[in-house]
Amino acid sequence: MYGLVVRFKLLDGHEAAFDALASKTLHSIEAEEPRTAVYLTHRLPATPGVRIFYELYDDIDAFEAHERTAHVRRFLEERSQHLRADPEVWVVEPTAGLVRQRPLPGVAQL
């Protein structure tokens, strides 16, 4: 498994537009990317101008394929108009977890 956590700081008043862009991208990920295991977008209730994405792919090849899709390239181009700063990106390595009460495939359970 290959994972990312990405933190976006949005410009004031751009929350709805950014969320709409993310939602549109999410629909394409669902339809076209069977090797994307988890793709979650979050907002922080106490900090309305921050969004956190958690992304989990079958492997690095699945992530690289994700990055090459037209919908992700569009998201990467269009997101900048909504951002206060460059996104913060952390590559993460799952060590244990469940998705819908099922262990993550390929991840040893503690």
Protein backbone atom coordinates (compact mmCIF):
# COMPACT_ATOMS: atom_id res chain seq x y z
CA MET A 1 0.00 0.00 0.00
CA TYR A 2 1.07 3.59 -0.68
CA GLY A 3 -0.49 6.53 1.11
CA LEU A 4 -0.52 10.30 1.27
CA VAL A 5 -1.88 12.90 3.62
CA VAL A 6 -2.24 16.34 2.03
CA ARG A 7 -3.14 19.57 3.86
CA PHE A 8 -4.56 22.47 1.89
CA LYS A 9 -4.90 26.03 3.23
CA LEU A 10 -7.66 27.76 1.27
CA LEU A 11 -8.19 31.39 0.46
CA ASP A 12 -11.07 32.99 2.36
CA GLY A 13 -14.32 32.48 0.48
CA HIS A 14 -12.95 29.67 -1.71
CA GLU A 15 -14.12 26.76 0.43
CA ALA A 16 -17.22 25.87 -1.63
CA ALA A 17 -15.42 26.16 -4.97
CA PHE A 18 -12.53 23.99 -3.78
CA ASP A 19 -14.95 21.41 -2.36
CA ALA A 20 -16.84 21.32 -5.68
CA LEU A 21 -13.58 20.76 -7.58
CA ALA A 22 -12.59 17.98 -5.17
CA SER A 23 -16.02 16.36 -5.44
CA LYS A 24 -15.91 16.39 -9.24
CA THR A 25 -12.46 14.78 -9.12
CA LEU A 26 -13.65 12.21 -6.59
CA HIS A 27 -16.43 11.03 -8.92
CA SER A 28 -13.86 10.39 -11.67
CA ILE A 29 -11.56 8.58 -9.25
CA GLU A 30 -14.44 6.32 -8.24
CA ALA A 31 -15.36 5.56 -11.85
CA GLU A 32 -11.88 5.17 -13.33
CA GLU A 33 -9.39 4.13 -10.64
CA PRO A 34 -9.99 0.63 -9.25
CA ARG A 35 -6.53 0.62 -7.60
CA THR A 36 -7.30 3.66 -5.46
CA ALA A 37 -8.26 2.00 -2.19
CA VAL A 38 -9.23 5.08 -0.14
CA TYR A 39 -9.64 8.71 -1.11
CA LEU A 40 -11.09 10.85 1.66
CA THR A 41 -11.44 14.59 1.85
CA HIS A 42 -11.91 16.23 5.23
CA ARG A 43 -12.59 19.67 6.57
CA LEU A 44 -11.66 20.86 10.01
CA PRO A 45 -14.77 22.25 11.76
CA ALA A 46 -12.69 24.62 13.88
CA THR A 47 -10.65 25.80 10.86
CA PRO A 48 -13.00 26.18 7.89
CA GLY A 49 -10.23 27.17 5.48
CA VAL A 50 -8.30 23.92 5.82
CA ARG A 51 -8.87 20.68 3.94
CA ILE A 52 -7.11 17.37 4.56
CA PHE A 53 -6.98 14.58 1.99
CA TYR A 54 -6.15 10.99 2.92
CA GLU A 55 -5.24 8.89 -0.08
CA LEU A 56 -4.41 5.18 -0.12
CA TYR A 57 -3.41 3.25 -3.22
CA ASP A 58 -2.71 -0.41 -3.85
CA ASP A 59 0.95 0.47 -4.52
CA ILE A 60 3.19 3.20 -5.93
CA ASP A 61 2.25 2.20 -9.49
CA ALA A 62 -1.43 2.84 -8.72
CA PHE A 63 -0.55 6.27 -7.34
CA GLU A 64 1.53 7.13 -10.40
CA ALA A 65 -1.34 6.03 -12.66
CA HIS A 66 -3.67 8.24 -10.58
CA GLU A 67 -1.37 11.23 -11.11
CA ARG A 68 -1.44 10.72 -14.90
CA THR A 69 -5.24 10.79 -15.27
CA ALA A 70 -6.91 13.75 -16.94
CA HIS A 71 -9.15 14.41 -13.93
CA VAL A 72 -6.21 14.62 -11.52
CA ARG A 73 -4.18 16.81 -13.89
CA ARG A 74 -7.24 19.12 -14.10
CA PHE A 75 -7.53 19.19 -10.29
CA LEU A 76 -3.82 19.98 -9.92
CA GLU A 77 -4.12 22.86 -12.40
CA GLU A 78 -7.35 24.33 -11.04
CA ARG A 79 -6.69 24.00 -7.31
CA SER A 80 -4.04 26.74 -7.23
CA GLN A 81 -6.64 29.51 -7.66
CA HIS A 82 -8.15 28.43 -4.32
CA LEU A 83 -4.97 27.99 -2.27
CA ARG A 84 -3.35 30.35 0.22
CA ALA A 85 -0.07 28.37 0.06
CA ASP A 86 1.43 25.28 -1.50
CA PRO A 87 -0.11 22.09 -0.12
CA GLU A 88 1.74 20.18 2.56
CA VAL A 89 2.23 16.54 1.54
CA TRP A 90 3.25 13.60 3.70
CA VAL A 91 3.88 10.14 2.30
CA VAL A 92 2.57 7.67 4.86
CA GLU A 93 2.99 3.93 5.22
CA PRO A 94 0.00 2.19 6.77
CA THR A 95 0.94 -0.19 9.57
CA ALA A 96 -2.55 -1.43 10.49
CA GLY A 97 -6.15 -0.50 9.90
CA LEU A 98 -9.63 -1.36 8.78
CA VAL A 99 -11.82 -0.21 5.92
CA ARG A 100 -15.46 -1.13 6.45
CA GLN A 101 -14.43 -3.58 9.17
CA ARG A 102 -12.00 -5.37 6.82
CA PRO A 103 -8.21 -5.33 7.25
CA LEU A 104 -6.28 -3.35 4.70
CA PRO A 105 -4.89 -5.74 2.06
CA GLY A 106 -1.13 -6.07 2.10
CA VAL A 107 -0.75 -4.42 5.52
CA ALA A 108 0.31 -6.51 8.49
CA GLN A 109 -2.11 -6.19 11.38
CA LEU A 110 -0.62 -5.32 14.79
